[in-house]
Amino acid sequence: MLALLLALGSSLAYGCADFLGGLGARKAHVLRTVMIAAPASLTVELLLWPFLGASFAPATLAWGAASGIASAAAFALLYRTLAIGPMNVLSPLTALVSAMLPVGVGLLQGEHLGPAGLVGLPLALAAVVLVSAGHGAKSARPSRAAILLAFGAGAAIALQLIFLHQAPSDSGVGPLIIGRAVSSAVTLAAAGVMYRRLGSTKPAYAMSATAGVLDSLANLLFLLAARSGDLAVVAVITALYPAGTVLLARGVLAERIHRGQLVGLGTAAVAVSLLALT
């Protein structure tokens, strides 16, 4: 039950971070937004170090660095995927891949689900697709390149979660600190290379920093959830993060929640209830 609650918290934090990051990216080049968000995220991890502890054994360094590289790749591939479109096809595809791969890894590592979990897990995967799907049943057919990018983005998100899960359970926030340091370095290096193409518009500093803080919190909650529960369950609950984004867009931007998304939110509630029984 604790793992499920932590995963739900992680999902909500990811959804809020994506919402604020998306708003920030509307005001300035997305890399300018990340240049604020990434250091803010790393700062949170460093502040948590004295309270949650951290060790930096070779395995922690390796898995933490791998998660950081995957995080940077996920960011680049996801935004490139959504830029190509159509979003209402590619976004749920990305979310589904990001959920399915950790589920497969968890099951291969010997995790077992009870009867309620065997029903709840596929329901949760269906909810991921429904909640993250955009409006309109008719949309342009995505190109082969766009589909490959969507799979790549989902795989990169999944690998970040898997690598964090593989880090030693007694490493505290060590893998998060290493991961954030690596992803920040990669992002800042990319921003330096593309500096002339970033434009002169200043980023939304407070919004971008808050997105970074929430993303850091989401990573922490996922790590704690994965350490206390099954990766298969934790990953698919975390992948429900589009629900938080959808609800915030409804409350803040007055965006309409479409019928399929409402069905997805209801399906998610049922799935979480079933998974709580496992």
C-alpha atoms as a PDB file:
ATOM      1  CA  MET A   1       0.000   0.000   0.000  1.00  0.00           C
ATOM      2  CA  LEU A   2       2.836   2.389   0.845  1.00  0.00           C
ATOM      3  CA  ALA A   3       4.487   1.776  -2.534  1.00  0.00           C
ATOM      4  CA  LEU A   4       1.197   2.502  -4.287  1.00  0.00           C
ATOM      5  CA  LEU A   5       0.735   5.807  -2.453  1.00  0.00           C
ATOM      6  CA  LEU A   6       4.321   6.843  -3.201  1.00  0.00           C
ATOM      7  CA  ALA A   7       3.848   5.955  -6.886  1.00  0.00           C
ATOM      8  CA  LEU A   8       0.648   8.017  -7.013  1.00  0.00           C
ATOM      9  CA  GLY A   9       2.532  10.937  -5.467  1.00  0.00           C
ATOM     10  CA  SER A  10       5.287  10.503  -8.047  1.00  0.00           C
ATOM     11  CA  SER A  11       2.744  10.455 -10.863  1.00  0.00           C
ATOM     12  CA  LEU A  12       1.081  13.632  -9.600  1.00  0.00           C
ATOM     13  CA  ALA A  13       4.414  15.414  -9.188  1.00  0.00           C
ATOM     14  CA  TYR A  14       5.531  14.414 -12.708  1.00  0.00           C
ATOM     15  CA  GLY A  15       2.232  15.656 -14.128  1.00  0.00           C
ATOM     16  CA  CYS A  16       2.528  19.021 -12.342  1.00  0.00           C
ATOM     17  CA  ALA A  17       6.165  19.375 -13.407  1.00  0.00           C
ATOM     18  CA  ASP A  18       5.259  18.689 -17.045  1.00  0.00           C
ATOM     19  CA  PHE A  19       2.440  21.229 -16.884  1.00  0.00           C
ATOM     20  CA  LEU A  20       4.661  23.990 -15.505  1.00  0.00           C
ATOM     21  CA  GLY A  21       7.532  23.047 -17.801  1.00  0.00           C
ATOM     22  CA  GLY A  22       5.193  23.198 -20.770  1.00  0.00           C
ATOM     23  CA  LEU A  23       3.955  26.628 -19.782  1.00  0.00           C
ATOM     24  CA  GLY A  24       7.529  27.796 -19.310  1.00  0.00           C
ATOM     25  CA  ALA A  25       8.511  26.483 -22.728  1.00  0.00           C
ATOM     26  CA  ARG A  26       5.771  28.631 -24.280  1.00  0.00           C
ATOM     27  CA  LYS A  27       7.498  31.748 -22.998  1.00  0.00           C
ATOM     28  CA  ALA A  28      11.049  30.935 -24.081  1.00  0.00           C
ATOM     29  CA  HIS A  29      13.062  28.233 -25.841  1.00  0.00           C
ATOM     30  CA  VAL A  30      12.631  24.931 -24.062  1.00  0.00           C
ATOM     31  CA  LEU A  31      16.375  24.669 -23.343  1.00  0.00           C
ATOM     32  CA  ARG A  32      16.247  28.016 -21.543  1.00  0.00           C
ATOM     33  CA  THR A  33      13.509  26.561 -19.356  1.00  0.00           C
ATOM     34  CA  VAL A  34      15.542  23.437 -18.621  1.00  0.00           C
ATOM     35  CA  MET A  35      18.648  25.495 -17.839  1.00  0.00           C
ATOM     36  CA  ILE A  36      16.671  26.775 -14.825  1.00  0.00           C
ATOM     37  CA  ALA A  37      14.770  23.584 -13.995  1.00  0.00           C
ATOM     38  CA  ALA A  38      17.737  21.198 -14.028  1.00  0.00           C
ATOM     39  CA  PRO A  39      19.916  23.028 -11.464  1.00  0.00           C
ATOM     40  CA  ALA A  40      16.839  23.603  -9.267  1.00  0.00           C
ATOM     41  CA  SER A  41      16.169  19.862  -9.345  1.00  0.00           C
ATOM     42  CA  LEU A  42      19.774  19.062  -8.450  1.00  0.00           C
ATOM     43  CA  THR A  43      19.655  21.576  -5.576  1.00  0.00           C
ATOM     44  CA  VAL A  44      16.675  19.761  -4.049  1.00  0.00           C
ATOM     45  CA  GLU A  45      18.522  16.440  -4.136  1.00  0.00           C
ATOM     46  CA  LEU A  46      21.567  18.014  -2.474  1.00  0.00           C
ATOM     47  CA  LEU A  47      19.383  19.538   0.261  1.00  0.00           C
ATOM     48  CA  LEU A  48      17.848  16.105   0.936  1.00  0.00           C
ATOM     49  CA  TRP A  49      21.261  14.468   1.272  1.00  0.00           C
ATOM     50  CA  PRO A  50      21.728  15.196   5.029  1.00  0.00           C
ATOM     51  CA  PHE A  51      18.255  13.870   5.836  1.00  0.00           C
ATOM     52  CA  LEU A  52      17.993  10.786   3.612  1.00  0.00           C
ATOM     53  CA  GLY A  53      21.678   9.957   3.315  1.00  0.00           C
ATOM     54  CA  ALA A  54      23.607   8.989   0.212  1.00  0.00           C
ATOM     55  CA  SER A  55      26.349   6.588  -0.709  1.00  0.00           C
ATOM     56  CA  PHE A  56      28.404   6.704  -3.879  1.00  0.00           C
ATOM     57  CA  ALA A  57      29.589   3.159  -4.380  1.00  0.00           C
ATOM     58  CA  PRO A  58      30.619   2.221  -7.939  1.00  0.00           C
ATOM     59  CA  ALA A  59      27.217   0.640  -8.618  1.00  0.00           C
ATOM     60  CA  THR A  60      25.447   3.815  -7.454  1.00  0.00           C
ATOM     61  CA  LEU A  61      27.653   5.974  -9.671  1.00  0.00           C
ATOM     62  CA  ALA A  62      27.081   3.732 -12.683  1.00  0.00           C
ATOM     63  CA  TRP A  63      23.287   3.400 -12.372  1.00  0.00           C
ATOM     64  CA  GLY A  64      22.862   7.038 -11.383  1.00  0.00           C
ATOM     65  CA  ALA A  65      24.878   8.249 -14.373  1.00  0.00           C
ATOM     66  CA  ALA A  66      22.956   5.910 -16.679  1.00  0.00           C
ATOM     67  CA  SER A  67      19.656   7.321 -15.397  1.00  0.00           C
ATOM     68  CA  GLY A  68      20.929  10.853 -15.990  1.00  0.00           C
ATOM     69  CA  ILE A  69      21.877  10.109 -19.597  1.00  0.00           C
ATOM     70  CA  ALA A  70      18.507   8.417 -20.152  1.00  0.00           C
ATOM     71  CA  SER A  71      16.748  11.429 -18.633  1.00  0.00           C
ATOM     72  CA  ALA A  72      18.514  13.847 -20.992  1.00  0.00           C
ATOM     73  CA  ALA A  73      17.739  11.599 -23.977  1.00  0.00           C
ATOM     74  CA  ALA A  74      14.095  11.281 -22.910  1.00  0.00           C
ATOM     75  CA  PHE A  75      13.725  15.044 -22.773  1.00  0.00           C
ATOM     76  CA  ALA A  76      15.183  15.585 -26.254  1.00  0.00           C
ATOM     77  CA  LEU A  77      13.283  12.728 -27.893  1.00  0.00           C
ATOM     78  CA  LEU A  78       9.955  13.532 -26.228  1.00  0.00           C
ATOM     79  CA  TYR A  79       9.875  17.160 -27.294  1.00  0.00           C
ATOM     80  CA  ARG A  80      11.049  16.292 -30.804  1.00  0.00           C
ATOM     81  CA  THR A  81       8.301  13.655 -31.010  1.00  0.00           C
ATOM     82  CA  LEU A  82       5.576  16.054 -29.916  1.00  0.00           C
ATOM     83  CA  ALA A  83       6.892  18.736 -32.277  1.00  0.00           C
ATOM     84  CA  ILE A  84       6.456  16.392 -35.256  1.00  0.00           C
ATOM     85  CA  GLY A  85       3.011  15.178 -34.174  1.00  0.00           C
ATOM     86  CA  PRO A  86       0.246  14.213 -34.253  1.00  0.00           C
ATOM     87  CA  MET A  87       0.277  14.511 -30.460  1.00  0.00           C
ATOM     88  CA  ASN A  88      -2.955  12.564 -29.879  1.00  0.00           C
ATOM     89  CA  VAL A  89      -1.325   9.478 -31.421  1.00  0.00           C
ATOM     90  CA  LEU A  90       2.301   9.838 -30.369  1.00  0.00           C
ATOM     91  CA  SER A  91       1.765  10.981 -26.766  1.00  0.00           C
ATOM     92  CA  PRO A  92      -0.165   7.865 -25.654  1.00  0.00           C
ATOM     93  CA  LEU A  93       2.270   5.673 -27.601  1.00  0.00           C
ATOM     94  CA  THR A  94       5.184   7.206 -25.685  1.00  0.00           C
ATOM     95  CA  ALA A  95       3.395   6.834 -22.341  1.00  0.00           C
ATOM     96  CA  LEU A  96       2.496   3.203 -23.055  1.00  0.00           C
ATOM     97  CA  VAL A  97       6.084   2.266 -23.968  1.00  0.00           C
ATOM     98  CA  SER A  98       7.377   4.043 -20.848  1.00  0.00           C
ATOM     99  CA  ALA A  99       5.060   1.868 -18.740  1.00  0.00           C
ATOM    100  CA  MET A 100       5.412  -1.450 -20.549  1.00  0.00           C
ATOM    101  CA  LEU A 101       9.202  -1.795 -20.435  1.00  0.00           C
ATOM    102  CA  PRO A 102       9.517  -1.518 -16.622  1.00  0.00           C
ATOM    103  CA  VAL A 103       6.590  -3.910 -16.264  1.00  0.00           C
ATOM    104  CA  GLY A 104       8.436  -6.438 -18.423  1.00  0.00           C
ATOM    105  CA  VAL A 105      11.653  -5.995 -16.455  1.00  0.00           C
ATOM    106  CA  GLY A 106       9.827  -6.411 -13.152  1.00  0.00           C
ATOM    107  CA  LEU A 107       8.125  -9.608 -14.255  1.00  0.00           C
ATOM    108  CA  LEU A 108      11.391 -11.003 -15.660  1.00  0.00           C
ATOM    109  CA  GLN A 109      13.036 -10.336 -12.295  1.00  0.00           C
ATOM    110  CA  GLY A 110      10.507 -12.608 -10.620  1.00  0.00           C
ATOM    111  CA  GLU A 111       7.785 -10.238  -9.451  1.00  0.00           C
ATOM    112  CA  HIS A 112       4.366 -11.900  -9.115  1.00  0.00           C
ATOM    113  CA  LEU A 113       0.889 -10.378  -9.150  1.00  0.00           C
ATOM    114  CA  GLY A 114      -2.222 -11.666  -7.410  1.00  0.00           C
ATOM    115  CA  PRO A 115      -5.609 -11.997  -9.163  1.00  0.00           C
ATOM    116  CA  ALA A 116      -6.507  -8.334  -8.481  1.00  0.00           C
ATOM    117  CA  GLY A 117      -3.144  -7.221  -9.852  1.00  0.00           C
ATOM    118  CA  LEU A 118      -3.554  -9.296 -13.015  1.00  0.00           C
ATOM    119  CA  VAL A 119      -6.749  -7.349 -13.720  1.00  0.00           C
ATOM    120  CA  GLY A 120      -5.576  -3.986 -12.409  1.00  0.00           C
ATOM    121  CA  LEU A 121      -2.294  -3.852 -14.325  1.00  0.00           C
ATOM    122  CA  PRO A 122      -3.754  -4.030 -17.864  1.00  0.00           C
ATOM    123  CA  LEU A 123      -6.502  -1.625 -16.786  1.00  0.00           C
ATOM    124  CA  ALA A 124      -3.829   0.824 -15.637  1.00  0.00           C
ATOM    125  CA  LEU A 125      -2.010   0.484 -18.975  1.00  0.00           C
ATOM    126  CA  ALA A 126      -5.271   1.214 -20.801  1.00  0.00           C
ATOM    127  CA  ALA A 127      -5.801   4.244 -18.554  1.00  0.00           C
ATOM    128  CA  VAL A 128      -2.326   5.556 -19.463  1.00  0.00           C
ATOM    129  CA  VAL A 129      -3.302   5.574 -23.150  1.00  0.00           C
ATOM    130  CA  LEU A 130      -6.773   7.069 -22.612  1.00  0.00           C
ATOM    131  CA  VAL A 131      -5.661   9.851 -20.272  1.00  0.00           C
ATOM    132  CA  SER A 132      -2.737  10.950 -22.421  1.00  0.00           C
ATOM    133  CA  ALA A 133      -4.661  10.859 -25.719  1.00  0.00           C
ATOM    134  CA  GLY A 134      -5.647  14.206 -27.163  1.00  0.00           C
ATOM    135  CA  HIS A 135      -8.921  15.318 -28.766  1.00  0.00           C
ATOM    136  CA  GLY A 136     -10.174  13.982 -32.013  1.00  0.00           C
ATOM    137  CA  ALA A 137     -10.447  10.460 -33.319  1.00  0.00           C
ATOM    138  CA  LYS A 138      -9.357  11.610 -36.789  1.00  0.00           C
ATOM    139  CA  SER A 139      -5.788  12.793 -37.065  1.00  0.00           C
ATOM    140  CA  ALA A 140      -2.959  12.771 -39.538  1.00  0.00           C
ATOM    141  CA  ARG A 141      -1.164   9.472 -39.850  1.00  0.00           C
ATOM    142  CA  PRO A 142       2.214   9.720 -38.109  1.00  0.00           C
ATOM    143  CA  SER A 143       5.315   9.172 -40.187  1.00  0.00           C
ATOM    144  CA  ARG A 144       7.598   6.206 -39.608  1.00  0.00           C
ATOM    145  CA  ALA A 145      10.228   8.587 -38.213  1.00  0.00           C
ATOM    146  CA  ALA A 146       7.729  10.052 -35.742  1.00  0.00           C
ATOM    147  CA  ILE A 147       6.687   6.583 -34.555  1.00  0.00           C
ATOM    148  CA  LEU A 148      10.319   5.584 -34.054  1.00  0.00           C
ATOM    149  CA  LEU A 149      10.958   8.785 -32.096  1.00  0.00           C
ATOM    150  CA  ALA A 150       7.887   8.089 -29.931  1.00  0.00           C
ATOM    151  CA  PHE A 151       9.172   4.594 -29.154  1.00  0.00           C
ATOM    152  CA  GLY A 152      12.610   6.074 -28.426  1.00  0.00           C
ATOM    153  CA  ALA A 153      11.175   8.688 -26.065  1.00  0.00           C
ATOM    154  CA  GLY A 154       9.112   6.093 -24.206  1.00  0.00           C
ATOM    155  CA  ALA A 155      12.083   3.741 -23.993  1.00  0.00           C
ATOM    156  CA  ALA A 156      14.328   6.517 -22.640  1.00  0.00           C
ATOM    157  CA  ILE A 157      11.771   7.417 -19.947  1.00  0.00           C
ATOM    158  CA  ALA A 158      11.451   3.734 -19.060  1.00  0.00           C
ATOM    159  CA  LEU A 159      15.218   3.264 -18.895  1.00  0.00           C
ATOM    160  CA  GLN A 160      15.551   6.190 -16.526  1.00  0.00           C
ATOM    161  CA  LEU A 161      13.104   4.513 -14.136  1.00  0.00           C
ATOM    162  CA  ILE A 162      14.663   1.070 -14.562  1.00  0.00           C
ATOM    163  CA  PHE A 163      18.197   2.377 -13.933  1.00  0.00           C
ATOM    164  CA  LEU A 164      17.077   4.173 -10.771  1.00  0.00           C
ATOM    165  CA  HIS A 165      15.440   0.950  -9.582  1.00  0.00           C
ATOM    166  CA  GLN A 166      18.643  -1.015 -10.216  1.00  0.00           C
ATOM    167  CA  ALA A 167      20.731   1.256  -7.967  1.00  0.00           C
ATOM    168  CA  PRO A 168      21.611  -0.265  -4.570  1.00  0.00           C
ATOM    169  CA  SER A 169      18.715   0.022  -2.133  1.00  0.00           C
ATOM    170  CA  ASP A 170      21.006   1.385   0.598  1.00  0.00           C
ATOM    171  CA  SER A 171      22.362   4.236  -1.558  1.00  0.00           C
ATOM    172  CA  GLY A 172      19.894   6.848  -0.298  1.00  0.00           C
ATOM    173  CA  VAL A 173      19.544   9.756  -2.723  1.00  0.00           C
ATOM    174  CA  GLY A 174      22.976   9.018  -4.214  1.00  0.00           C
ATOM    175  CA  PRO A 175      21.652   7.816  -7.615  1.00  0.00           C
ATOM    176  CA  LEU A 176      19.342  10.831  -7.828  1.00  0.00           C
ATOM    177  CA  ILE A 177      22.202  13.260  -7.164  1.00  0.00           C
ATOM    178  CA  ILE A 178      24.441  11.604  -9.754  1.00  0.00           C
ATOM    179  CA  GLY A 179      21.593  11.350 -12.258  1.00  0.00           C
ATOM    180  CA  ARG A 180      20.636  15.004 -11.876  1.00  0.00           C
ATOM    181  CA  ALA A 181      24.251  16.136 -12.094  1.00  0.00           C
ATOM    182  CA  VAL A 182      24.779  14.179 -15.320  1.00  0.00           C
ATOM    183  CA  SER A 183      21.498  15.248 -16.950  1.00  0.00           C
ATOM    184  CA  SER A 184      22.166  18.877 -15.962  1.00  0.00           C
ATOM    185  CA  ALA A 185      25.643  18.727 -17.461  1.00  0.00           C
ATOM    186  CA  VAL A 186      24.326  17.208 -20.705  1.00  0.00           C
ATOM    187  CA  THR A 187      21.529  19.773 -20.956  1.00  0.00           C
ATOM    188  CA  LEU A 188      23.785  22.736 -20.229  1.00  0.00           C
ATOM    189  CA  ALA A 189      26.330  21.468 -22.754  1.00  0.00           C
ATOM    190  CA  ALA A 190      23.575  21.213 -25.377  1.00  0.00           C
ATOM    191  CA  ALA A 191      22.403  24.724 -24.529  1.00  0.00           C
ATOM    192  CA  GLY A 192      25.972  25.989 -24.920  1.00  0.00           C
ATOM    193  CA  VAL A 193      26.297  24.407 -28.354  1.00  0.00           C
ATOM    194  CA  MET A 194      22.912  25.806 -29.458  1.00  0.00           C
ATOM    195  CA  TYR A 195      23.253  29.156 -27.671  1.00  0.00           C
ATOM    196  CA  ARG A 196      22.795  31.292 -30.792  1.00  0.00           C
ATOM    197  CA  ARG A 197      19.556  29.477 -31.627  1.00  0.00           C
ATOM    198  CA  LEU A 198      17.948  29.912 -28.202  1.00  0.00           C
ATOM    199  CA  GLY A 199      16.740  33.465 -28.811  1.00  0.00           C
ATOM    200  CA  SER A 200      16.866  36.350 -26.377  1.00  0.00           C
ATOM    201  CA  THR A 201      13.547  35.800 -24.583  1.00  0.00           C
ATOM    202  CA  LYS A 202      14.043  35.367 -20.858  1.00  0.00           C
ATOM    203  CA  PRO A 203      12.621  32.183 -19.321  1.00  0.00           C
ATOM    204  CA  ALA A 204       9.892  32.166 -16.665  1.00  0.00           C
ATOM    205  CA  TYR A 205      12.339  31.742 -13.777  1.00  0.00           C
ATOM    206  CA  ALA A 206       9.918  30.898 -10.957  1.00  0.00           C
ATOM    207  CA  MET A 207       7.803  28.585 -13.093  1.00  0.00           C
ATOM    208  CA  SER A 208      10.839  26.766 -14.497  1.00  0.00           C
ATOM    209  CA  ALA A 209      12.449  26.373 -11.071  1.00  0.00           C
ATOM    210  CA  THR A 210       9.208  25.033  -9.595  1.00  0.00           C
ATOM    211  CA  ALA A 211       8.991  22.502 -12.431  1.00  0.00           C
ATOM    212  CA  GLY A 212      12.505  21.356 -11.565  1.00  0.00           C
ATOM    213  CA  VAL A 213      11.662  21.023  -7.874  1.00  0.00           C
ATOM    214  CA  LEU A 214       8.546  18.967  -8.650  1.00  0.00           C
ATOM    215  CA  ASP A 215      10.453  16.759 -11.072  1.00  0.00           C
ATOM    216  CA  SER A 216      13.025  16.109  -8.369  1.00  0.00           C
ATOM    217  CA  LEU A 217      10.279  15.232  -5.904  1.00  0.00           C
ATOM    218  CA  ALA A 218       8.721  12.876  -8.468  1.00  0.00           C
ATOM    219  CA  ASN A 219      12.024  11.049  -8.937  1.00  0.00           C
ATOM    220  CA  LEU A 220      12.462  10.695  -5.188  1.00  0.00           C
ATOM    221  CA  LEU A 221       8.957   9.318  -4.662  1.00  0.00           C
ATOM    222  CA  PHE A 222       9.426   6.858  -7.519  1.00  0.00           C
ATOM    223  CA  LEU A 223      12.717   5.650  -6.068  1.00  0.00           C
ATOM    224  CA  LEU A 224      11.168   5.144  -2.618  1.00  0.00           C
ATOM    225  CA  ALA A 225       8.146   3.402  -4.155  1.00  0.00           C
ATOM    226  CA  ALA A 226      10.300   1.053  -6.244  1.00  0.00           C
ATOM    227  CA  ARG A 227      12.359   0.162  -3.182  1.00  0.00           C
ATOM    228  CA  SER A 228       9.270  -0.771  -1.171  1.00  0.00           C
ATOM    229  CA  GLY A 229       7.149  -2.398  -3.869  1.00  0.00           C
ATOM    230  CA  ASP A 230       7.100  -4.150  -7.243  1.00  0.00           C
ATOM    231  CA  LEU A 231       8.617  -2.284 -10.178  1.00  0.00           C
ATOM    232  CA  ALA A 232       5.821  -3.548 -12.476  1.00  0.00           C
ATOM    233  CA  VAL A 233       3.114  -1.915 -10.355  1.00  0.00           C
ATOM    234  CA  VAL A 234       5.050   1.210  -9.401  1.00  0.00           C
ATOM    235  CA  ALA A 235       6.072   1.996 -12.986  1.00  0.00           C
ATOM    236  CA  VAL A 236       2.591   1.727 -14.452  1.00  0.00           C
ATOM    237  CA  ILE A 237       1.073   3.886 -11.700  1.00  0.00           C
ATOM    238  CA  THR A 238       3.818   6.468 -12.205  1.00  0.00           C
ATOM    239  CA  ALA A 239       3.071   6.438 -15.954  1.00  0.00           C
ATOM    240  CA  LEU A 240      -0.367   7.871 -15.174  1.00  0.00           C
ATOM    241  CA  TYR A 241       1.325  11.278 -14.865  1.00  0.00           C
ATOM    242  CA  PRO A 242      -0.668  12.740 -17.825  1.00  0.00           C
ATOM    243  CA  ALA A 243      -3.724  12.711 -15.530  1.00  0.00           C
ATOM    244  CA  GLY A 244      -2.170  15.423 -13.364  1.00  0.00           C
ATOM    245  CA  THR A 245      -1.333  17.501 -16.418  1.00  0.00           C
ATOM    246  CA  VAL A 246      -4.868  17.117 -17.798  1.00  0.00           C
ATOM    247  CA  LEU A 247      -6.511  18.126 -14.506  1.00  0.00           C
ATOM    248  CA  LEU A 248      -4.239  21.164 -14.101  1.00  0.00           C
ATOM    249  CA  ALA A 249      -4.907  22.241 -17.677  1.00  0.00           C
ATOM    250  CA  ARG A 250      -8.631  22.021 -16.896  1.00  0.00           C
ATOM    251  CA  GLY A 251      -8.383  24.004 -13.668  1.00  0.00           C
ATOM    252  CA  VAL A 252      -5.809  26.630 -14.684  1.00  0.00           C
ATOM    253  CA  LEU A 253      -6.228  27.002 -18.453  1.00  0.00           C
ATOM    254  CA  ALA A 254      -9.912  25.974 -18.633  1.00  0.00           C
ATOM    255  CA  GLU A 255      -9.047  23.327 -21.209  1.00  0.00           C
ATOM    256  CA  ARG A 256     -11.779  20.821 -21.871  1.00  0.00           C
ATOM    257  CA  ILE A 257     -11.392  17.257 -20.616  1.00  0.00           C
ATOM    258  CA  HIS A 258     -12.588  15.071 -23.470  1.00  0.00           C
ATOM    259  CA  ARG A 259     -14.740  11.980 -23.140  1.00  0.00           C
ATOM    260  CA  GLY A 260     -11.897   9.528 -23.666  1.00  0.00           C
ATOM    261  CA  GLN A 261      -9.823  11.233 -20.990  1.00  0.00           C
ATOM    262  CA  LEU A 262     -12.722  11.077 -18.529  1.00  0.00           C
ATOM    263  CA  VAL A 263     -13.021   7.363 -19.237  1.00  0.00           C
ATOM    264  CA  GLY A 264      -9.259   7.100 -18.681  1.00  0.00           C
ATOM    265  CA  LEU A 265      -9.469   8.871 -15.317  1.00  0.00           C
ATOM    266  CA  GLY A 266     -12.250   6.516 -14.222  1.00  0.00           C
ATOM    267  CA  THR A 267     -10.330   3.503 -15.468  1.00  0.00           C
ATOM    268  CA  ALA A 268      -7.260   4.695 -13.564  1.00  0.00           C
ATOM    269  CA  ALA A 269      -9.279   4.942 -10.342  1.00  0.00           C
ATOM    270  CA  VAL A 270     -10.534   1.377 -10.747  1.00  0.00           C
ATOM    271  CA  ALA A 271      -7.051   0.106 -11.628  1.00  0.00           C
ATOM    272  CA  VAL A 272      -5.443   1.774  -8.612  1.00  0.00           C
ATOM    273  CA  SER A 273      -8.134   0.309  -6.347  1.00  0.00           C
ATOM    274  CA  LEU A 274      -7.425  -3.187  -7.686  1.00  0.00           C
ATOM    275  CA  LEU A 275      -3.669  -2.781  -7.421  1.00  0.00           C
ATOM    276  CA  ALA A 276      -4.083  -1.666  -3.815  1.00  0.00           C
ATOM    277  CA  LEU A 277      -5.442  -5.146  -3.092  1.00  0.00           C
ATOM    278  CA  THR A 278      -2.309  -6.931  -4.355  1.00  0.00           C
END
